[in-house]
Protein backbone atom coordinates (compact mmCIF):
# COMPACT_ATOMS: atom_id res chain seq x y z
CA MET A 1 17.64 3.06 20.34
CA ALA A 2 16.13 4.30 23.62
CA GLY A 3 15.12 1.69 26.13
CA GLY A 4 17.96 -0.99 25.52
CA GLY A 5 17.27 -0.84 21.90
CA GLY A 6 14.05 -0.95 22.08
CA MET A 7 11.85 0.93 19.53
CA ARG A 8 9.37 2.56 21.77
CA ARG A 9 8.87 5.80 20.13
CA LEU A 10 8.17 5.68 16.42
CA ALA A 11 7.60 8.89 13.87
CA TYR A 12 5.71 7.23 10.65
CA VAL A 13 5.85 9.52 7.66
CA CYS A 14 3.60 9.02 4.77
CA ALA A 15 4.56 12.40 2.24
CA ASP A 16 2.67 10.93 -0.50
CA GLY A 17 -0.34 12.90 -1.12
CA GLY A 18 -2.37 9.94 -3.04
CA VAL A 19 -2.46 7.74 0.40
CA PRO A 20 -5.27 9.54 2.52
CA VAL A 21 -3.89 7.99 5.62
CA PHE A 22 -7.48 7.82 7.46
CA GLY A 23 -9.22 6.90 4.29
CA THR A 24 -10.71 3.68 2.56
CA LYS A 25 -8.52 3.10 -0.13
CA GLY A 26 -6.19 -0.32 0.52
CA CYS A 27 -3.13 2.03 0.99
CA SER A 28 -5.05 3.83 3.93
CA VAL A 29 -6.35 0.62 5.51
CA HIS A 30 -2.59 -0.42 5.31
CA VAL A 31 -1.29 2.59 7.07
CA GLN A 32 -3.88 2.08 9.88
CA GLU A 33 -3.37 -1.32 10.37
CA PHE A 34 0.26 -1.28 10.83
CA ILE A 35 0.09 1.81 13.13
CA ARG A 36 -3.04 -0.11 15.10
CA ALA A 37 -0.35 -3.12 15.56
CA CYS A 38 2.57 -0.65 16.42
CA LEU A 39 0.21 0.48 19.16
CA HIS A 40 -0.81 -2.93 20.38
CA ASP A 41 2.99 -3.61 20.97
CA GLY A 42 3.35 -0.96 23.04
CA ILE A 43 4.97 1.43 20.62
CA HIS A 44 3.97 5.04 20.88
CA VAL A 45 3.40 6.31 17.36
CA THR A 46 3.43 9.99 15.90
CA LEU A 47 2.13 10.53 12.74
CA PHE A 48 3.42 12.71 9.78
CA ALA A 49 1.22 12.93 6.71
CA THR A 50 0.15 14.95 4.13
CA ARG A 51 -3.18 13.67 3.37
CA LEU A 52 -5.49 12.71 6.36
CA GLY A 53 -8.71 11.94 4.17
CA ALA A 54 -10.97 11.42 7.53
CA ASP A 55 -10.97 11.96 10.93
CA ALA A 56 -8.77 9.58 12.57
CA PRO A 57 -10.93 6.31 13.87
CA ALA A 58 -11.65 6.03 17.46
CA ASP A 59 -8.73 4.03 18.10
CA LEU A 60 -6.24 5.86 16.64
CA GLY A 61 -7.45 8.71 17.76
CA VAL A 62 -4.70 8.88 20.73
CA ILE A 63 -1.46 9.75 18.28
CA PRO A 64 -0.48 12.30 17.67
CA VAL A 65 -0.80 13.69 14.11
CA HIS A 66 1.22 16.13 11.97
CA ARG A 67 0.14 17.26 8.59
CA LEU A 68 2.82 17.97 6.21
CA VAL A 69 1.19 21.08 4.50
CA GLU A 70 1.62 21.24 0.85
CA SER A 71 3.99 24.13 0.41
CA ARG A 72 2.81 27.26 -1.90
CA SER A 73 6.18 27.05 -3.54
CA GLY A 74 6.02 27.68 -7.19
CA ALA A 75 1.90 28.50 -7.13
CA SER A 76 2.17 31.43 -9.10
CA ARG A 77 3.09 29.01 -12.06
CA ALA A 78 -0.23 27.04 -11.45
CA ALA A 79 -2.10 28.79 -14.39
CA VAL A 80 0.62 28.04 -16.47
CA ASP A 81 1.94 24.37 -15.23
CA PRO A 82 0.02 22.59 -12.27
CA VAL A 83 2.08 19.35 -12.41
CA LEU A 84 5.23 21.86 -12.40
CA ALA A 85 3.48 23.59 -9.22
CA ARG A 86 2.95 20.43 -7.84
CA GLU A 87 5.98 19.10 -7.99
CA ARG A 88 7.64 21.63 -6.63
CA SER A 89 5.29 22.44 -3.66
CA ALA A 90 6.51 18.63 -2.80
CA ILE A 91 10.07 18.85 -2.90
CA ALA A 92 9.74 22.54 -1.09
CA ARG A 93 7.29 20.54 1.72
CA ASN A 94 10.49 18.09 1.96
CA ARG A 95 13.06 20.49 2.35
CA GLY A 96 11.13 21.12 5.87
CA LEU A 97 10.59 17.62 6.84
CA ALA A 98 13.99 16.85 8.88
CA ALA A 99 13.55 19.89 10.76
CA HIS A 100 9.72 18.93 11.44
CA LEU A 101 10.85 15.35 12.80
CA ALA A 102 13.41 16.97 14.74
CA ALA A 103 11.24 18.96 16.42
CA CYS A 104 8.69 16.20 17.22
CA GLY A 105 11.57 13.98 18.84
CA PRO A 106 13.14 12.17 19.94
CA PHE A 107 12.45 9.15 17.96
CA ASP A 108 14.14 5.39 17.98
CA ALA A 109 13.34 5.01 14.69
CA VAL A 110 11.77 6.59 11.54
CA TYR A 111 9.40 4.48 9.38
CA GLU A 112 8.25 5.63 5.80
CA ARG A 113 5.63 4.81 3.54
CA HIS A 114 7.65 5.71 0.15
CA ALA A 115 6.82 8.80 -1.40
CA LEU A 116 7.72 10.32 -4.93
CA TRP A 117 9.76 13.49 -3.54
CA SER A 118 10.14 12.38 -0.21
CA CYS A 119 14.08 11.83 1.09
CA GLY A 120 14.32 13.92 3.97
CA ALA A 121 12.84 11.23 6.57
CA MET A 122 15.45 8.66 5.95
CA GLU A 123 18.11 11.29 5.34
CA PHE A 124 17.06 12.78 9.07
CA ALA A 125 17.18 9.25 10.53
CA ARG A 126 21.00 8.76 9.26
CA ALA A 127 21.71 12.05 10.72
CA VAL A 128 20.90 11.50 13.91
CA GLY A 129 21.85 8.15 14.26
CA ILE A 130 18.52 6.03 14.30
CA PRO A 131 17.10 3.44 12.30
CA GLY A 132 15.33 4.46 9.01
CA LEU A 133 13.02 1.78 7.53
CA LEU A 134 11.94 2.39 4.21
CA GLU A 135 8.74 0.41 3.26
CA VAL A 136 8.11 0.22 -1.11
CA ASN A 137 4.65 -0.43 -2.10
CA ALA A 138 5.51 0.42 -6.23
CA PRO A 139 8.30 1.80 -8.20
CA LEU A 140 6.38 4.86 -8.02
CA LEU A 141 8.49 7.25 -10.44
CA ARG A 142 7.94 4.55 -13.08
CA GLU A 143 4.25 4.56 -12.07
CA GLN A 144 4.17 8.29 -12.36
CA LEU A 145 5.64 8.17 -16.02
CA GLN A 146 3.19 5.66 -16.92
CA HIS A 147 0.00 7.02 -15.58
CA ARG A 148 0.27 10.46 -14.78
CA SER A 149 2.46 13.37 -15.54
CA LEU A 150 5.70 14.12 -14.57
CA ARG A 151 8.02 17.08 -15.30
CA LEU A 152 11.19 17.06 -13.31
CA HIS A 153 11.94 13.43 -13.78
CA ASP A 154 15.80 13.85 -12.91
CA VAL A 155 14.61 15.72 -10.04
CA ALA A 156 12.33 12.78 -8.60
CA ALA A 157 15.14 10.20 -9.71
CA ARG A 158 17.41 11.50 -7.17
CA MET A 159 15.26 12.05 -4.62
CA MET A 160 14.13 8.32 -4.67
CA ARG A 161 17.96 7.13 -5.11
CA ARG A 162 18.42 9.51 -2.30
CA ALA A 163 15.61 7.89 -0.11
CA PHE A 164 16.79 3.96 -0.94
CA HIS A 165 20.78 5.09 -0.47
CA ALA A 166 19.71 6.63 3.21
CA ALA A 167 17.81 4.14 4.63
CA ASP A 168 19.07 1.30 6.91
CA VAL A 169 16.30 -0.89 5.85
CA VAL A 170 13.84 -1.34 2.81
CA LEU A 171 11.01 -3.05 3.00
CA PRO A 172 9.10 -4.16 -0.62
CA VAL A 173 6.26 -5.79 -0.52
CA SER A 174 6.83 -8.57 -3.54
CA ASP A 175 9.83 -10.34 -4.26
CA VAL A 176 9.53 -8.50 -7.67
CA LEU A 177 9.85 -5.31 -6.29
CA GLY A 178 12.86 -6.47 -4.14
CA ASP A 179 14.67 -7.26 -7.43
CA TRP A 180 13.82 -4.43 -8.61
CA LEU A 181 15.54 -2.06 -6.03
CA VAL A 182 18.20 -3.69 -5.78
CA GLY A 183 18.82 -3.04 -9.81
CA GLU A 184 18.25 0.32 -8.68
CA GLY A 185 21.53 0.10 -6.33
CA VAL A 186 20.32 -1.02 -3.02
CA ALA A 187 22.61 -3.41 -1.50
CA ARG A 188 20.43 -6.95 -0.70
CA GLU A 189 21.22 -7.29 2.74
CA ARG A 190 19.27 -4.03 3.31
CA VAL A 191 16.15 -5.52 1.30
CA HIS A 192 13.83 -7.43 2.92
CA VAL A 193 10.42 -8.67 1.65
CA GLN A 194 7.48 -7.69 3.72
CA PRO A 195 3.79 -8.78 2.08
CA ASN A 196 1.02 -7.44 3.40
CA ALA A 197 -1.02 -8.55 6.06
CA VAL A 198 -4.17 -8.57 7.97
CA ASP A 199 -5.57 -8.01 12.04
CA PRO A 200 -7.55 -11.55 12.40
CA THR A 201 -9.81 -9.35 15.18
CA ARG A 202 -11.38 -7.91 11.82
CA PHE A 203 -12.42 -11.22 10.65
CA ALA A 204 -13.14 -13.40 13.82
CA GLY A 205 -16.56 -14.76 13.91
CA ARG A 206 -19.22 -14.63 10.96
CA PRO A 207 -19.93 -11.23 10.53
CA ALA A 208 -23.77 -10.63 8.74
CA PRO A 209 -23.74 -10.46 5.09
CA ALA A 210 -24.02 -6.72 3.85
CA LEU A 211 -25.79 -7.59 1.01
CA PRO A 212 -28.97 -9.77 0.85
CA GLU A 213 -28.65 -13.49 -0.41
CA ALA A 214 -29.94 -14.17 -3.70
CA PRO A 215 -30.44 -17.82 -4.20
CA GLY A 216 -29.00 -19.75 -6.47
CA LEU A 217 -26.67 -16.90 -7.22
CA VAL A 218 -23.00 -17.29 -6.23
CA THR A 219 -21.50 -14.05 -5.59
CA ILE A 220 -18.79 -13.22 -7.66
CA GLY A 221 -16.51 -10.26 -5.51
CA PHE A 222 -13.94 -7.10 -6.08
CA LEU A 223 -12.61 -4.70 -3.14
CA GLY A 224 -10.72 -2.05 -4.37
CA THR A 225 -10.52 1.39 -6.11
CA LEU A 226 -11.62 0.86 -9.79
CA LYS A 227 -8.22 2.17 -11.59
CA PRO A 228 -7.23 0.84 -14.97
CA TRP A 229 -4.44 -1.83 -13.44
CA HIS A 230 -6.50 -3.48 -11.38
CA GLY A 231 -8.28 -5.13 -14.67
CA LEU A 232 -11.59 -4.50 -13.53
CA ASP A 233 -12.09 -4.41 -17.45
CA VAL A 234 -11.16 -8.15 -17.41
CA LEU A 235 -13.25 -9.32 -14.78
CA VAL A 236 -15.95 -7.94 -16.40
CA ASP A 237 -15.15 -9.82 -19.70
CA ALA A 238 -14.98 -12.95 -17.79
CA PHE A 239 -18.03 -12.59 -15.73
CA ALA A 240 -19.64 -12.34 -19.18
CA VAL A 241 -18.35 -15.12 -20.65
CA ALA A 242 -19.63 -17.57 -17.41
CA ARG A 243 -22.87 -15.78 -17.46
CA ARG A 244 -23.29 -17.06 -21.45
CA ARG A 245 -21.94 -20.23 -20.69
CA GLY A 246 -24.60 -20.89 -17.77
CA ALA A 247 -22.46 -19.98 -14.66
CA LEU A 248 -25.36 -18.79 -12.23
CA CYS A 249 -23.71 -15.59 -10.67
CA ARG A 250 -23.57 -12.26 -9.99
CA LEU A 251 -20.77 -9.66 -9.50
CA LEU A 252 -20.14 -7.22 -6.65
CA ILE A 253 -18.26 -4.37 -6.78
CA VAL A 254 -16.90 -2.95 -3.42
CA GLY A 255 -15.10 0.27 -4.14
CA ASP A 256 -15.02 3.55 -6.36
CA GLY A 257 -13.22 5.20 -8.44
CA PRO A 258 -12.40 6.72 -11.71
CA GLY A 259 -12.92 3.74 -14.06
CA ARG A 260 -16.63 3.22 -12.76
CA PRO A 261 -18.43 4.99 -15.45
CA ALA A 262 -17.06 2.73 -18.04
CA LEU A 263 -17.64 -0.26 -16.33
CA GLU A 264 -21.37 0.77 -15.93
CA ALA A 265 -21.52 1.41 -19.32
CA ARG A 266 -19.78 -1.81 -20.18
CA LEU A 267 -22.15 -4.04 -18.09
CA ALA A 268 -25.13 -2.30 -19.58
CA GLY A 269 -24.16 -3.14 -23.32
CA LEU A 270 -23.79 -6.53 -21.81
CA GLY A 271 -27.07 -6.72 -20.66
CA LEU A 272 -25.33 -7.80 -17.41
CA ALA A 273 -26.09 -4.03 -15.45
CA HIS A 274 -29.07 -6.30 -13.16
CA LEU A 275 -26.73 -8.82 -12.05
CA VAL A 276 -24.28 -5.88 -10.57
CA THR A 277 -24.09 -4.65 -7.30
CA TRP A 278 -22.20 -1.70 -6.38
CA ALA A 279 -21.55 -1.18 -3.08
CA GLY A 280 -19.15 2.00 -3.07
CA ALA A 281 -16.47 3.13 -0.91
CA VAL A 282 -16.71 1.49 2.14
CA SER A 283 -14.89 2.25 5.92
CA PRO A 284 -12.83 -0.52 6.76
CA ALA A 285 -14.99 -1.41 9.78
CA ASP A 286 -17.23 -2.33 7.29
CA VAL A 287 -15.56 -4.46 4.82
CA PRO A 288 -15.58 -7.78 7.09
CA ALA A 289 -19.62 -7.95 6.18
CA TRP A 290 -18.79 -6.77 2.82
CA LEU A 291 -16.58 -9.62 2.30
CA ALA A 292 -19.16 -12.07 3.74
CA SER A 293 -21.29 -11.39 0.61
CA MET A 294 -18.95 -12.90 -1.58
CA ASP A 295 -17.98 -16.35 -2.33
CA ILE A 296 -15.75 -15.83 -4.25
CA GLY A 297 -12.85 -12.90 -4.63
CA VAL A 298 -10.98 -11.83 -7.20
CA VAL A 299 -7.70 -9.98 -8.26
CA PRO A 300 -7.79 -9.51 -11.65
CA TYR A 301 -4.79 -7.51 -12.20
CA ALA A 302 -4.23 -7.27 -16.48
CA SER A 303 -0.83 -7.06 -16.94
CA ARG A 304 2.50 -8.61 -15.97
CA ASP A 305 4.16 -4.89 -16.26
CA GLU A 306 2.05 -4.29 -13.06
CA CYS A 307 3.88 -7.42 -11.37
CA TYR A 308 4.93 -5.75 -8.08
CA PHE A 309 2.04 -6.06 -6.07
CA SER A 310 1.17 -7.58 -2.66
CA PRO A 311 -2.75 -6.36 -3.14
CA LEU A 312 -4.21 -6.20 0.51
CA LYS A 313 -7.16 -7.38 -1.11
CA ALA A 314 -6.21 -10.78 -1.10
CA PHE A 315 -5.33 -11.13 1.91
CA GLU A 316 -8.48 -9.70 3.41
CA TYR A 317 -10.24 -11.95 0.91
CA MET A 318 -8.33 -14.91 2.56
CA ALA A 319 -8.90 -13.51 6.03
CA ALA A 320 -12.44 -13.85 5.64
CA GLY A 321 -12.33 -17.74 4.15
CA ARG A 322 -13.31 -16.76 0.52
CA ALA A 323 -12.30 -18.43 -2.28
CA VAL A 324 -9.65 -16.43 -4.46
CA VAL A 325 -8.68 -16.24 -7.96
CA GLY A 326 -5.70 -14.04 -8.88
CA SER A 327 -3.73 -13.01 -11.86
CA SER A 328 -0.30 -14.62 -11.53
CA VAL A 329 1.81 -11.37 -10.61
CA GLY A 330 3.57 -10.34 -7.81
CA GLN A 331 3.06 -12.43 -4.28
CA LEU A 332 -0.12 -14.07 -5.63
CA PRO A 333 1.47 -17.33 -6.83
CA LEU A 334 3.23 -17.46 -3.45
CA LEU A 335 0.14 -16.85 -1.21
CA LEU A 336 -2.11 -18.88 -3.29
CA ARG A 337 -0.14 -22.01 -3.45
CA ASP A 338 -1.28 -25.52 -2.82
CA GLY A 339 -4.75 -24.91 -2.93
CA ALA A 340 -4.99 -21.90 -1.12
CA GLY A 341 -6.19 -20.53 -4.45
CA ILE A 342 -6.55 -20.45 -8.13
CA VAL A 343 -4.10 -18.50 -10.19
CA VAL A 344 -4.92 -17.54 -14.21
CA PRO A 345 -2.62 -15.53 -16.36
CA PRO A 346 -2.75 -11.78 -16.15
CA GLY A 347 -5.64 -10.42 -18.69
CA ASP A 348 -6.84 -13.74 -19.34
CA ALA A 349 -10.61 -13.61 -19.31
CA GLU A 350 -10.91 -17.05 -20.90
CA ALA A 351 -9.11 -18.69 -18.30
CA LEU A 352 -10.41 -16.26 -15.12
CA ALA A 353 -14.07 -17.32 -16.63
CA VAL A 354 -12.90 -21.07 -16.22
CA ALA A 355 -11.75 -20.57 -12.89
CA LEU A 356 -14.95 -18.51 -12.15
CA GLU A 357 -17.20 -21.48 -13.51
CA THR A 358 -15.43 -24.24 -11.72
CA LEU A 359 -15.79 -22.79 -8.55
CA CYS A 360 -19.20 -21.72 -8.86
CA SER A 361 -20.07 -24.86 -9.90
CA ALA A 362 -18.36 -26.41 -6.79
CA PRO A 363 -19.05 -25.19 -3.72
CA VAL A 364 -17.68 -27.84 -1.44
CA ALA A 365 -14.28 -27.38 -2.86
CA ARG A 366 -15.25 -23.21 -2.97
CA ALA A 367 -15.43 -24.02 1.31
CA ARG A 368 -12.39 -25.85 1.36
CA MET A 369 -10.20 -23.70 -0.44
CA GLY A 370 -11.43 -21.01 1.75
CA GLU A 371 -10.42 -22.44 4.74
CA LEU A 372 -7.34 -23.10 3.49
CA ALA A 373 -6.59 -19.09 2.50
CA ARG A 374 -7.76 -18.24 5.93
CA ALA A 375 -5.31 -20.74 7.89
CA ARG A 376 -2.53 -19.52 5.59
CA VAL A 377 -3.37 -15.78 5.65
CA LEU A 378 -3.25 -16.51 9.76
CA ALA A 379 -0.48 -18.25 10.27
CA GLU A 380 1.66 -16.47 8.12
CA HIS A 381 0.36 -12.62 7.59
CA THR A 382 -0.64 -10.73 10.48
CA TRP A 383 0.19 -7.16 11.26
CA ALA A 384 1.28 -8.04 14.61
CA GLY A 385 4.11 -10.21 12.98
CA THR A 386 5.00 -7.57 10.86
CA VAL A 387 5.68 -5.06 13.18
CA ALA A 388 7.33 -7.83 15.40
CA ARG A 389 9.92 -8.18 12.27
CA VAL A 390 9.97 -4.39 11.88
CA ARG A 391 11.19 -4.21 15.14
CA GLU A 392 13.49 -6.61 15.08
CA LEU A 393 15.28 -5.30 12.05
CA ALA A 394 15.25 -1.89 13.60
CA ARG A 395 17.03 -3.48 16.47
CA ALA A 396 19.61 -5.33 13.95
CA SER A 397 19.89 -2.08 12.21
CA ALA A 398 20.63 0.00 15.66
CA ALA A 399 23.66 -3.04 17.02
CA ARG A 400 25.22 -3.06 13.34
CA ARG A 401 25.14 0.79 12.65
CA ALA A 402 28.45 1.84 10.72
CA PRO A 403 29.19 5.47 8.98
CA ARG A 404 27.79 5.32 5.57
CA ALA A 405 27.64 8.69 3.44
CA THR A 406 24.22 10.06 3.28
CA THR A 407 24.40 11.05 -0.34
CA VAL A 408 24.24 8.80 -2.99
CA PRO A 409 27.33 10.14 -5.45
CA THR A 410 25.44 11.14 -8.41
CA ALA A 411 25.32 15.00 -9.89
CA SER A 412 23.56 17.54 -8.41
CA PHE A 413 20.06 19.14 -9.21
CA SER A 414 20.56 20.93 -12.55
CA THR A 415 18.02 23.44 -11.96
CA ALA A 416 19.20 25.90 -8.94
CA ASP A 417 15.85 26.93 -7.42
CA HIS A 418 15.20 22.69 -7.22
CA ARG A 419 18.34 21.87 -5.06
CA LEU A 420 17.46 20.08 -2.26
CA PRO A 421 19.81 20.76 0.61
CA ARG A 422 21.35 17.44 2.43
CA VAL A 423 20.36 16.96 5.91
CA ASP A 424 23.09 18.11 8.43
CA ALA A 425 23.25 16.61 11.45
CA ALA A 426 24.36 19.28 13.45
CA GLU A 427 21.47 21.62 12.34
CA VAL A 428 19.15 18.80 13.22
CA ARG A 429 20.34 18.52 16.81
CA ASP A 430 20.26 22.27 16.91
CA VAL A 431 16.29 22.54 15.89
CA ALA A 432 16.04 19.88 18.54
CA ALA A 433 17.32 21.06 21.10
CA ASN A 434 15.68 24.57 20.68
CA SER A 435 12.23 22.71 20.63
CA HIS A 436 12.01 21.54 23.69
């Protein structure tokens, strides 16, 4: 690596079309905060992304941004099968990623947020002899099968394994996800669990609450995208039970998504619509003020099948000093241990209702829990700490680099027009030489 082993120039790749890197979703905030922490640490970041979502925040406007444009490959088939057309487009886009990286370099390392249909970034890093670090937030192939549509399953699986194989360091956000990666053939010594984090400066001081106080009512809050796996239906049921048993509380939902109409209808049917405030999607800059409006933050995952998360909302609740109730999935039991929160079984509305009732009736305990939560997350989970660890992992990887095959020893793609060429080191160097 350049600079005597220092990670001074970093290519950050996000080829996932579901992640608007400058948007308001939790995944968007994750990308922005990591890049921001890199800049604060003196690392020059170049961003390669499929979807921007919005203009860059002012402090991130200094970084070069390269849009990974969707290829039109297969567009003529879109009317017949738009899913297949999108998949072929993503595969075609990946083909050009290595050349794009070479033209914009040189870099000391490549850091990628793992995306379905993307292996070119990690294979590029391996081909040119720099560390490749792959952040894995979910088993995307499984998610695609369960929640969306997938045509080219075998191709997606092969590209996923090629990315895993080429990466020097694989960074899952939870222990469960780390175990899954090992099961997929990633060597245990290359797996380093790195949960989500916060920027303490975003939660310094006492911001004025965005929602006016309601005397006598405790505000139960949720921050995030309204998707089925986030368990909002469980939260609504628990809220209804707690209210029926006399808890003096209201509900604040900060975020938006496809689940909102069903939730609104459910709350109206329960006669609780007047006790709910919908903030909608808010900018990351406004999140602290909305969290200041909450007394309790909830992370209500409904199923153990969705057990791999390291939910950013939990870290932000804690940084804001809120009492937290979360489902016992992923990293949450470890994060909320020793009085820093309450953990309940996933999908158990009764258990969640009991936890909410307990906190609603105990303001002193609620405040103490928030203090413990804030102290933990600021001591153990900051983006500055994450970047320092990534930098050290990149340094160690560069120091011990040894030749390793850049392809997974499995059958090639079965359909000729879906074959993805492997990254060739000599070809990449030629592209780089001709672009400067």
